[in-house]
Amino acid sequence: MIKYTSHRAIIVNAAVLPSKDAKKERVPQSVIDTLLDSVSIIELVEESTQTKKIDNAIRSPCPFHVHSNDNDTLLIDTQEQRVSCDECGFQASGIGWLMYHDGLTFEDALLELASRTNTDLSKWITESDIDRARLNKQKLQTQVAQFYQAELAQTDKALAYFKDRGISQRTGELFALGYSPAMPSTINDAFPKMERQLWNNGLLIRRSDKKYSLRFRDRLMFPIKDETGNLVGFGGRAFDDTLPKYLNSPSSPSFNKSQILYGLHEAVESAKPIKRLILVEGYMDVLTLHEAGVLHPVATLGTAQSVHHLKTLFSHSSHLVVCFDGDSAGRKAATRLLELALPIISDFDLLQFIEIPDGDDPDSFVQKHGRESFEQLLNNAQSVEETLLDMLTDGLDLDTIGGKSALFSKAVKQIDNIESGNIRDSIMNQVESIVGLSCWDDVQE
């Protein structure tokens, strides 16, 4: 059972406030306009809320006020690249959305847009500016994580949740698990007069009436570290069917979901070199596997798999086993990851896939069947070639000429994407065996 002894009250050092630099040249408006034109406002909004088309207009719930009868009051104008709310009057460009919704400073909002467009802002925003802001943010994030841990120690339902899931105090402390209370006054008492700093760290949302509300309300909290151990964000899990079930800190220059892997720091610290990494989808998958003694589980944040994730994983181990949920979404995510991996894995890398029984995920499977059964799945994991062939043949009747022709057509589209000569040769040989004749003679490799 998780049991913490830290106190509720946390004294926050004024050192988290950013120091002032000498005056420097501001980012030109022309550069700002180019950034705003280059990043779709709907892309920014849809990262945190669902949009829908209503009377030829794109709308979504406005996060900056308490809703009355009509929830979809926020209008997303894709031509003007702005959002506006019919009810509370909030209006903003992409920069304003990132500042008010995600709590970024003006400079961080510019850097976030610049990172999406590969724009160099170093002439106006220096590395020292970025490093200082990052250190200030990390210090406050660490103090907030301690606050969440202290709240967990005094919240019976949160302690019961982790106990029921089999998470021990040792694992809870290693991953710094916590709880975010439902009442804003609790965090305000712990961090007096620091609403703006908490907002700038993505922990509060600023409403149109200039008051603040909690981003994470009544949620189990999972501090997220980068691979060097710096705390860069949080994940919050709802207790019930509240949507979204999992809520992450907003994107920022230091917290990019396509680059961060939950549990990687703990895996790197536990063993060097790492013989094998296991890639799963969720925080609880990582915690349960770790608790069961399955070594080196790591997770993507949601289903945002990326080439960067794969390159990072293979930089720490040449053996990666992918184990996603046993449902259609999990299989779709595994297929996407396979397609991302084919152009980058070499003959010296070993990539394998586990297919969890439908309806289970790694967490529930281990809870039901134990570590040994999961280890058997690991030992029988499919190779890249087997997984790719299953993907290519899915839904085809290979007893017919049409099915064989369709297989060959699908395989041709994949062959040029495969970096590994061994994998490419193996797939070509297997497809040729199924088709029943030499079918690659006229195909340009």
Protein backbone atom coordinates (compact mmCIF):
# COMPACT_ATOMS: atom_id res chain seq x y z
CA MET A 1 0.00 0.00 0.00
CA ILE A 2 1.23 3.48 -0.78
CA LYS A 3 1.75 5.55 2.36
CA TYR A 4 3.55 8.87 2.29
CA THR A 5 4.71 10.88 5.29
CA SER A 6 5.27 14.27 3.62
CA HIS A 7 3.33 17.25 4.98
CA ARG A 8 0.45 18.98 3.21
CA ALA A 9 1.95 22.48 3.46
CA ILE A 10 4.67 23.24 0.90
CA ILE A 11 6.74 26.39 1.11
CA VAL A 12 7.43 27.70 -2.38
CA ASN A 13 10.71 29.54 -2.88
CA ALA A 14 10.51 32.83 -4.71
CA ALA A 15 13.41 31.63 -6.87
CA VAL A 16 10.92 30.10 -9.26
CA LEU A 17 10.16 33.59 -10.51
CA PRO A 18 12.05 34.35 -13.74
CA SER A 19 14.87 36.84 -13.49
CA LYS A 20 14.92 39.87 -15.75
CA ASP A 21 17.37 40.14 -18.60
CA ALA A 22 18.70 43.22 -20.31
CA LYS A 23 16.31 44.56 -22.90
CA LYS A 24 16.73 42.88 -26.26
CA GLU A 25 15.18 43.08 -29.70
CA ARG A 26 11.62 41.80 -29.88
CA VAL A 27 10.50 39.16 -32.36
CA PRO A 28 9.29 41.11 -35.44
CA GLN A 29 5.56 41.10 -36.11
CA SER A 30 6.24 39.75 -39.61
CA VAL A 31 7.85 36.63 -38.09
CA ILE A 32 4.95 36.22 -35.65
CA ASP A 33 2.43 36.55 -38.49
CA THR A 34 4.28 33.90 -40.50
CA LEU A 35 4.17 31.51 -37.53
CA LEU A 36 0.45 32.10 -37.06
CA ASP A 37 -0.23 31.51 -40.76
CA SER A 38 1.83 28.30 -40.78
CA VAL A 39 0.11 26.45 -37.91
CA SER A 40 -3.58 25.65 -38.23
CA ILE A 41 -5.65 27.02 -35.37
CA ILE A 42 -7.92 23.98 -35.56
CA GLU A 43 -4.88 21.73 -35.07
CA LEU A 44 -4.13 23.51 -31.80
CA VAL A 45 -7.72 23.35 -30.56
CA GLU A 46 -8.24 19.69 -31.50
CA GLU A 47 -5.25 18.63 -29.42
CA SER A 48 -7.34 19.22 -26.30
CA THR A 49 -11.01 19.13 -27.30
CA GLN A 50 -13.31 17.62 -29.91
CA THR A 51 -14.67 19.85 -32.65
CA LYS A 52 -17.80 19.42 -34.73
CA LYS A 53 -19.29 21.04 -37.79
CA ILE A 54 -22.49 22.95 -37.02
CA ASP A 55 -24.24 24.97 -39.75
CA ASN A 56 -21.07 25.10 -41.90
CA ALA A 57 -19.04 26.37 -38.94
CA ILE A 58 -16.46 24.50 -36.86
CA ARG A 59 -17.22 24.67 -33.16
CA SER A 60 -16.17 23.16 -29.84
CA PRO A 61 -16.86 23.68 -26.12
CA CYS A 62 -15.20 26.83 -24.77
CA PRO A 63 -12.85 26.02 -21.86
CA PHE A 64 -12.89 29.55 -20.46
CA HIS A 65 -16.31 29.72 -18.80
CA VAL A 66 -18.96 27.59 -17.12
CA HIS A 67 -21.36 26.34 -19.79
CA SER A 68 -25.08 26.94 -19.86
CA ASN A 69 -27.29 24.94 -22.26
CA ASP A 70 -25.15 25.31 -25.39
CA ASN A 71 -21.71 23.81 -24.94
CA ASP A 72 -20.34 24.39 -28.42
CA THR A 73 -19.95 28.14 -28.14
CA LEU A 74 -16.35 28.37 -29.36
CA LEU A 75 -16.09 29.20 -33.07
CA ILE A 76 -12.89 28.16 -34.85
CA ASP A 77 -12.31 30.41 -37.84
CA THR A 78 -9.85 28.59 -40.10
CA GLN A 79 -9.63 31.49 -42.56
CA GLU A 80 -8.80 34.16 -40.01
CA GLN A 81 -6.87 31.62 -37.87
CA ARG A 82 -8.67 32.73 -34.73
CA VAL A 83 -11.09 31.43 -32.13
CA SER A 84 -13.97 33.33 -30.53
CA CYS A 85 -16.66 32.44 -28.03
CA ASP A 86 -20.27 33.54 -28.50
CA GLU A 87 -20.99 33.42 -24.77
CA CYS A 88 -17.99 34.72 -22.80
CA GLY A 89 -16.43 36.79 -25.58
CA PHE A 90 -13.00 35.15 -25.52
CA GLN A 91 -11.03 35.82 -28.73
CA ALA A 92 -7.50 34.77 -29.61
CA SER A 93 -5.04 33.79 -32.29
CA GLY A 94 -2.99 30.61 -32.02
CA ILE A 95 -0.56 32.38 -29.68
CA GLY A 96 -3.40 33.53 -27.46
CA TRP A 97 -4.86 30.02 -27.38
CA LEU A 98 -1.52 28.57 -26.27
CA MET A 99 -1.12 31.28 -23.64
CA TYR A 100 -4.63 31.15 -22.17
CA HIS A 101 -5.47 27.49 -22.66
CA ASP A 102 -2.06 25.89 -22.23
CA GLY A 103 -0.68 28.49 -19.83
CA LEU A 104 2.45 29.20 -21.86
CA THR A 105 4.32 32.46 -21.63
CA PHE A 106 4.39 34.58 -24.78
CA GLU A 107 7.93 33.43 -25.58
CA ASP A 108 7.08 29.77 -24.96
CA ALA A 109 4.03 30.09 -27.22
CA LEU A 110 6.26 31.49 -29.97
CA LEU A 111 8.76 28.67 -29.43
CA GLU A 112 5.97 26.08 -29.58
CA LEU A 113 4.79 27.42 -32.95
CA ALA A 114 8.40 27.68 -34.14
CA SER A 115 9.08 24.04 -33.22
CA ARG A 116 6.12 22.97 -35.36
CA THR A 117 7.39 24.91 -38.37
CA ASN A 118 11.18 24.48 -37.94
CA THR A 119 11.55 28.26 -37.57
CA ASP A 120 14.74 29.59 -35.97
CA LEU A 121 14.03 32.25 -33.34
CA SER A 122 17.51 32.26 -31.79
CA LYS A 123 18.13 35.83 -32.96
CA TRP A 124 15.45 37.03 -30.54
CA ILE A 125 15.07 34.21 -27.99
CA THR A 126 18.46 32.92 -26.86
CA GLU A 127 19.51 29.57 -25.43
CA SER A 128 20.10 31.24 -22.05
CA ASP A 129 16.50 32.51 -22.09
CA ILE A 130 15.26 28.99 -22.80
CA ASP A 131 17.54 27.33 -20.23
CA ARG A 132 16.59 29.77 -17.48
CA ALA A 133 12.86 29.35 -18.16
CA ARG A 134 13.28 25.57 -18.25
CA LEU A 135 15.04 25.51 -14.87
CA ASN A 136 12.38 27.74 -13.32
CA LYS A 137 9.66 25.48 -14.71
CA GLN A 138 11.34 22.29 -13.50
CA LYS A 139 11.69 23.68 -9.99
CA LEU A 140 8.02 24.58 -9.74
CA GLN A 141 6.92 21.31 -11.37
CA THR A 142 8.95 19.38 -8.78
CA GLN A 143 7.34 21.30 -5.92
CA VAL A 144 3.89 20.66 -7.37
CA ALA A 145 4.70 16.94 -7.68
CA GLN A 146 5.60 16.93 -3.97
CA PHE A 147 2.30 18.65 -3.25
CA TYR A 148 0.41 15.96 -5.21
CA GLN A 149 2.28 13.24 -3.29
CA ALA A 150 1.31 14.83 0.02
CA GLU A 151 -2.34 14.99 -1.12
CA LEU A 152 -2.24 11.32 -2.09
CA ALA A 153 -1.09 10.41 1.42
CA GLN A 154 -4.26 12.00 2.83
CA THR A 155 -6.80 10.87 0.22
CA ASP A 156 -8.30 7.48 1.01
CA LYS A 157 -9.94 6.88 -2.37
CA ALA A 158 -6.67 7.57 -4.24
CA LEU A 159 -4.69 5.29 -1.92
CA ALA A 160 -7.38 2.62 -2.30
CA TYR A 161 -7.23 2.87 -6.09
CA PHE A 162 -3.50 2.14 -6.22
CA LYS A 163 -3.82 -0.55 -3.54
CA ASP A 164 -6.58 -2.28 -5.50
CA ARG A 165 -4.38 -2.16 -8.61
CA GLY A 166 -1.55 -3.83 -6.69
CA ILE A 167 0.82 -0.85 -6.70
CA SER A 168 3.16 -0.89 -3.70
CA GLN A 169 4.55 2.05 -1.74
CA ARG A 170 7.98 1.39 -3.24
CA THR A 171 6.69 1.65 -6.81
CA GLY A 172 4.55 4.65 -5.89
CA GLU A 173 7.55 6.49 -4.50
CA LEU A 174 9.79 5.54 -7.42
CA PHE A 175 7.31 7.04 -9.89
CA ALA A 176 6.27 9.86 -7.49
CA LEU A 177 2.55 9.10 -7.82
CA GLY A 178 0.14 11.69 -6.48
CA TYR A 179 -3.38 13.08 -6.33
CA SER A 180 -4.77 16.42 -7.50
CA PRO A 181 -7.62 17.62 -5.25
CA ALA A 182 -10.94 18.84 -6.55
CA MET A 183 -10.89 22.18 -4.73
CA PRO A 184 -8.73 24.99 -6.21
CA SER A 185 -8.24 26.47 -2.74
CA THR A 186 -6.05 23.52 -1.75
CA ILE A 187 -3.34 24.24 -4.29
CA ASN A 188 -3.76 27.99 -3.80
CA ASP A 189 -3.06 27.56 -0.08
CA ALA A 190 0.10 25.59 -0.85
CA PHE A 191 1.26 28.06 -3.52
CA PRO A 192 -0.02 31.46 -2.36
CA LYS A 193 -0.12 34.27 -4.90
CA MET A 194 1.37 32.03 -7.56
CA GLU A 195 -1.63 31.52 -9.82
CA ARG A 196 0.13 33.06 -12.81
CA GLN A 197 3.21 30.83 -12.42
CA LEU A 198 0.99 27.76 -12.05
CA TRP A 199 -0.92 28.87 -15.14
CA ASN A 200 2.33 29.35 -17.06
CA ASN A 201 3.21 25.76 -16.14
CA GLY A 202 -0.04 24.39 -17.54
CA LEU A 203 -1.48 23.54 -14.12
CA LEU A 204 -4.31 26.07 -14.19
CA ILE A 205 -6.65 27.35 -16.90
CA ARG A 206 -7.41 31.06 -17.07
CA ARG A 207 -11.06 31.81 -17.77
CA SER A 208 -12.47 34.77 -19.65
CA ASP A 209 -13.32 36.49 -16.34
CA LYS A 210 -9.56 36.39 -15.56
CA LYS A 211 -10.08 33.88 -12.76
CA TYR A 212 -8.28 30.54 -12.72
CA SER A 213 -9.57 26.98 -12.57
CA LEU A 214 -7.79 23.68 -12.11
CA ARG A 215 -6.60 21.80 -15.19
CA PHE A 216 -6.27 18.61 -13.11
CA ARG A 217 -9.29 18.23 -10.80
CA ASP A 218 -9.82 15.15 -8.64
CA ARG A 219 -7.36 13.03 -10.60
CA LEU A 220 -4.62 10.52 -9.92
CA MET A 221 -1.37 12.20 -10.92
CA PHE A 222 1.57 10.70 -12.81
CA PRO A 223 4.65 12.97 -12.98
CA ILE A 224 6.34 12.62 -16.37
CA LYS A 225 10.12 12.86 -16.68
CA ASP A 226 12.38 13.10 -19.69
CA GLU A 227 15.09 10.47 -20.05
CA THR A 228 17.56 12.55 -18.01
CA GLY A 229 15.16 12.70 -15.06
CA ASN A 230 13.84 16.25 -15.43
CA LEU A 231 10.15 16.57 -14.58
CA VAL A 232 8.52 18.06 -17.67
CA GLY A 233 4.79 17.49 -17.20
CA PHE A 234 1.97 15.51 -15.64
CA GLY A 235 -0.62 12.97 -16.61
CA GLY A 236 -3.89 12.88 -14.71
CA ARG A 237 -6.31 9.92 -14.62
CA ALA A 238 -10.00 10.28 -13.78
CA PHE A 239 -11.53 7.92 -11.20
CA ASP A 240 -14.76 7.47 -13.14
CA ASP A 241 -16.03 7.86 -16.71
CA THR A 242 -15.13 11.56 -16.84
CA LEU A 243 -13.71 12.46 -20.24
CA PRO A 244 -10.97 12.62 -21.11
CA LYS A 245 -10.02 9.58 -19.03
CA TYR A 246 -6.37 10.65 -19.21
CA LEU A 247 -5.38 14.30 -19.36
CA ASN A 248 -1.80 15.43 -20.00
CA SER A 249 -0.05 18.72 -19.43
CA PRO A 250 -0.32 20.94 -22.50
CA SER A 251 2.41 20.80 -25.13
CA SER A 252 5.32 23.16 -24.63
CA PRO A 253 8.95 23.40 -25.78
CA SER A 254 9.96 21.09 -22.91
CA PHE A 255 6.94 18.74 -23.08
CA ASN A 256 6.40 17.23 -26.50
CA LYS A 257 4.31 14.05 -26.46
CA SER A 258 5.98 12.83 -29.66
CA GLN A 259 9.35 12.83 -27.86
CA ILE A 260 8.63 11.88 -24.24
CA LEU A 261 8.36 8.28 -23.02
CA TYR A 262 6.90 7.53 -19.60
CA GLY A 263 9.15 5.27 -17.53
CA LEU A 264 12.24 5.60 -19.74
CA HIS A 265 14.23 7.45 -17.09
CA GLU A 266 13.47 4.75 -14.51
CA ALA A 267 14.41 2.05 -17.03
CA VAL A 268 17.69 3.76 -17.91
CA GLU A 269 18.57 4.23 -14.24
CA SER A 270 17.83 0.61 -13.33
CA ALA A 271 20.27 -1.07 -15.71
CA LYS A 272 23.03 -0.27 -18.18
CA PRO A 273 23.13 -1.65 -20.78
CA ILE A 274 19.44 -2.46 -21.16
CA LYS A 275 18.95 -5.85 -22.80
CA ARG A 276 15.33 -5.28 -23.79
CA LEU A 277 12.73 -2.50 -23.64
CA ILE A 278 8.98 -3.17 -23.65
CA LEU A 279 6.81 -0.47 -25.23
CA VAL A 280 3.24 -0.21 -23.91
CA GLU A 281 0.48 2.40 -24.16
CA GLY A 282 -0.42 3.54 -20.64
CA TYR A 283 0.92 4.68 -17.29
CA MET A 284 -0.75 1.80 -15.45
CA ASP A 285 0.76 -0.71 -17.91
CA VAL A 286 4.21 0.57 -16.93
CA LEU A 287 3.46 0.52 -13.19
CA THR A 288 1.87 -2.95 -13.19
CA LEU A 289 4.65 -4.53 -15.26
CA HIS A 290 7.28 -2.88 -13.07
CA GLU A 291 5.46 -4.07 -9.94
CA ALA A 292 5.33 -7.62 -11.32
CA GLY A 293 9.08 -7.62 -11.96
CA VAL A 294 8.90 -7.36 -15.75
CA LEU A 295 11.96 -5.33 -16.59
CA HIS A 296 12.06 -2.01 -18.46
CA PRO A 297 8.51 -1.15 -19.51
CA VAL A 298 8.03 2.31 -21.07
CA ALA A 299 4.95 3.99 -22.53
CA THR A 300 4.01 6.52 -25.14
CA LEU A 301 1.69 9.30 -23.97
CA GLY A 302 -1.52 8.13 -25.56
CA THR A 303 -1.18 6.84 -29.13
CA ALA A 304 1.22 9.52 -30.33
CA GLN A 305 3.95 7.16 -31.53
CA SER A 306 6.73 8.81 -33.50
CA VAL A 307 9.99 8.11 -35.28
CA HIS A 308 11.68 10.08 -32.50
CA HIS A 309 10.30 7.59 -29.96
CA LEU A 310 11.73 4.67 -31.91
CA LYS A 311 15.14 6.26 -32.39
CA THR A 312 15.30 7.07 -28.68
CA LEU A 313 14.35 3.52 -27.71
CA PHE A 314 16.87 1.91 -30.05
CA SER A 315 19.57 4.26 -28.76
CA HIS A 316 19.17 2.56 -25.36
CA SER A 317 18.63 -1.03 -26.50
CA SER A 318 18.83 -2.95 -29.76
CA HIS A 319 15.85 -5.10 -28.68
CA LEU A 320 12.36 -3.60 -28.49
CA VAL A 321 9.11 -5.49 -27.87
CA VAL A 322 5.86 -3.66 -28.64
CA CYS A 323 2.87 -4.64 -26.51
CA PHE A 324 -0.24 -2.56 -27.13
CA ASP A 325 -3.83 -3.14 -26.03
CA GLY A 326 -5.69 -6.13 -27.43
CA ASP A 327 -8.44 -4.16 -29.16
CA SER A 328 -8.88 -2.56 -32.57
CA ALA A 329 -7.30 0.72 -31.40
CA GLY A 330 -4.28 -1.15 -30.04
CA ARG A 331 -3.85 -3.13 -33.25
CA LYS A 332 -4.14 0.06 -35.28
CA ALA A 333 -1.49 1.70 -33.11
CA ALA A 334 0.83 -1.30 -33.55
CA THR A 335 0.36 -1.16 -37.33
CA ARG A 336 1.23 2.53 -37.37
CA LEU A 337 4.33 1.93 -35.26
CA LEU A 338 5.44 -0.89 -37.58
CA GLU A 339 5.13 1.43 -40.58
CA LEU A 340 7.16 4.09 -38.76
CA ALA A 341 9.81 1.53 -37.85
CA LEU A 342 10.43 -0.10 -41.25
CA PRO A 343 12.46 2.81 -42.71
CA ILE A 344 14.74 3.16 -39.66
CA ILE A 345 15.47 -0.23 -38.07
CA SER A 346 18.70 -1.85 -39.18
CA ASP A 347 19.87 -5.44 -39.49
CA PHE A 348 21.31 -5.08 -35.98
CA ASP A 349 17.99 -4.11 -34.35
CA LEU A 350 15.43 -6.61 -33.07
CA LEU A 351 11.83 -5.40 -33.12
CA GLN A 352 9.07 -7.74 -31.98
CA PHE A 353 5.34 -7.52 -31.33
CA ILE A 354 3.09 -9.13 -28.72
CA GLU A 355 -0.60 -9.58 -29.42
CA ILE A 356 -2.53 -9.28 -26.16
CA PRO A 357 -5.84 -11.21 -26.14
CA ASP A 358 -8.76 -9.03 -27.22
CA GLY A 359 -10.23 -7.02 -24.37
CA ASP A 360 -7.07 -6.97 -22.30
CA ASP A 361 -4.11 -4.62 -22.01
CA PRO A 362 -0.72 -5.43 -20.43
CA ASP A 363 -1.97 -4.21 -17.05
CA SER A 364 -5.14 -6.33 -16.96
CA PHE A 365 -3.39 -9.35 -18.49
CA VAL A 366 -0.75 -9.41 -15.75
CA GLN A 367 -3.39 -8.83 -13.07
CA LYS A 368 -5.37 -11.85 -14.35
CA HIS A 369 -2.62 -14.25 -15.37
CA GLY A 370 0.56 -13.17 -13.60
CA ARG A 371 4.12 -12.44 -14.61
CA GLU A 372 4.98 -15.92 -15.92
CA SER A 373 2.17 -15.85 -18.48
CA PHE A 374 3.30 -12.44 -19.65
CA GLU A 375 6.88 -13.68 -19.90
CA GLN A 376 5.57 -16.47 -22.15
CA LEU A 377 4.05 -13.84 -24.42
CA LEU A 378 7.43 -12.11 -24.50
CA ASN A 379 9.23 -15.32 -25.37
CA ASN A 380 6.76 -16.00 -28.22
CA ALA A 381 6.71 -12.44 -29.55
CA GLN A 382 6.35 -12.09 -33.32
CA SER A 383 9.19 -10.85 -35.48
CA VAL A 384 8.84 -7.80 -37.72
CA GLU A 385 8.55 -10.12 -40.73
CA GLU A 386 5.71 -12.15 -39.18
CA THR A 387 3.86 -9.03 -38.07
CA LEU A 388 4.27 -7.33 -41.44
CA LEU A 389 3.12 -10.44 -43.31
CA ASP A 390 0.04 -10.66 -41.08
CA MET A 391 -0.69 -7.02 -41.88
CA LEU A 392 -0.26 -7.57 -45.63
CA THR A 393 -2.43 -10.69 -45.75
CA ASP A 394 -5.17 -9.42 -43.42
CA GLY A 395 -8.57 -9.82 -45.07
CA LEU A 396 -7.23 -11.46 -48.27
CA ASP A 397 -8.31 -14.81 -49.67
CA LEU A 398 -4.92 -16.22 -50.63
CA ASP A 399 -6.51 -19.22 -52.38
CA THR A 400 -7.62 -16.95 -55.20
CA ILE A 401 -5.67 -15.17 -57.92
CA GLY A 402 -7.24 -11.87 -56.81
CA GLY A 403 -6.06 -12.36 -53.24
CA LYS A 404 -2.53 -13.18 -54.33
CA SER A 405 -2.47 -10.21 -56.67
CA ALA A 406 -3.66 -7.92 -53.88
CA LEU A 407 -0.94 -9.28 -51.57
CA PHE A 408 1.74 -8.56 -54.14
CA SER A 409 0.43 -5.01 -54.71
CA LYS A 410 0.43 -4.28 -50.97
CA ALA A 411 3.91 -5.75 -50.55
CA VAL A 412 5.37 -3.65 -53.38
CA LYS A 413 4.26 -0.50 -51.56
CA GLN A 414 6.11 -1.57 -48.41
CA ILE A 415 9.35 -2.98 -49.84
CA ASP A 416 10.92 0.38 -50.65
CA ASN A 417 10.25 1.56 -47.10
CA ILE A 418 12.28 -1.23 -45.49
CA GLU A 419 15.78 -0.22 -44.40
CA SER A 420 16.93 -3.66 -43.22
CA GLY A 421 18.14 -5.88 -46.04
CA ASN A 422 17.41 -8.99 -43.99
CA ILE A 423 13.80 -8.00 -43.37
CA ARG A 424 13.32 -6.96 -47.00
CA ASP A 425 14.69 -10.26 -48.34
CA SER A 426 12.60 -12.28 -45.91
CA ILE A 427 9.35 -10.53 -46.85
CA MET A 428 10.09 -10.82 -50.57
CA ASN A 429 10.77 -14.56 -50.21
CA GLN A 430 7.61 -15.18 -48.18
CA VAL A 431 5.40 -13.21 -50.57
CA GLU A 432 6.95 -15.04 -53.52
CA SER A 433 6.26 -18.36 -51.80
CA ILE A 434 2.60 -17.48 -51.26
CA VAL A 435 2.06 -16.07 -54.76
CA GLY A 436 3.72 -19.17 -56.20
CA LEU A 437 6.02 -17.67 -58.82
CA SER A 438 8.96 -15.30 -59.20
CA CYS A 439 7.16 -11.98 -58.90
CA TRP A 440 9.99 -9.54 -58.11
CA ASP A 441 12.00 -9.72 -61.33
CA ASP A 442 10.39 -6.63 -62.81
CA VAL A 443 10.19 -4.66 -59.57
CA GLN A 444 12.82 -1.96 -59.05
CA GLU A 445 14.27 -2.29 -55.56
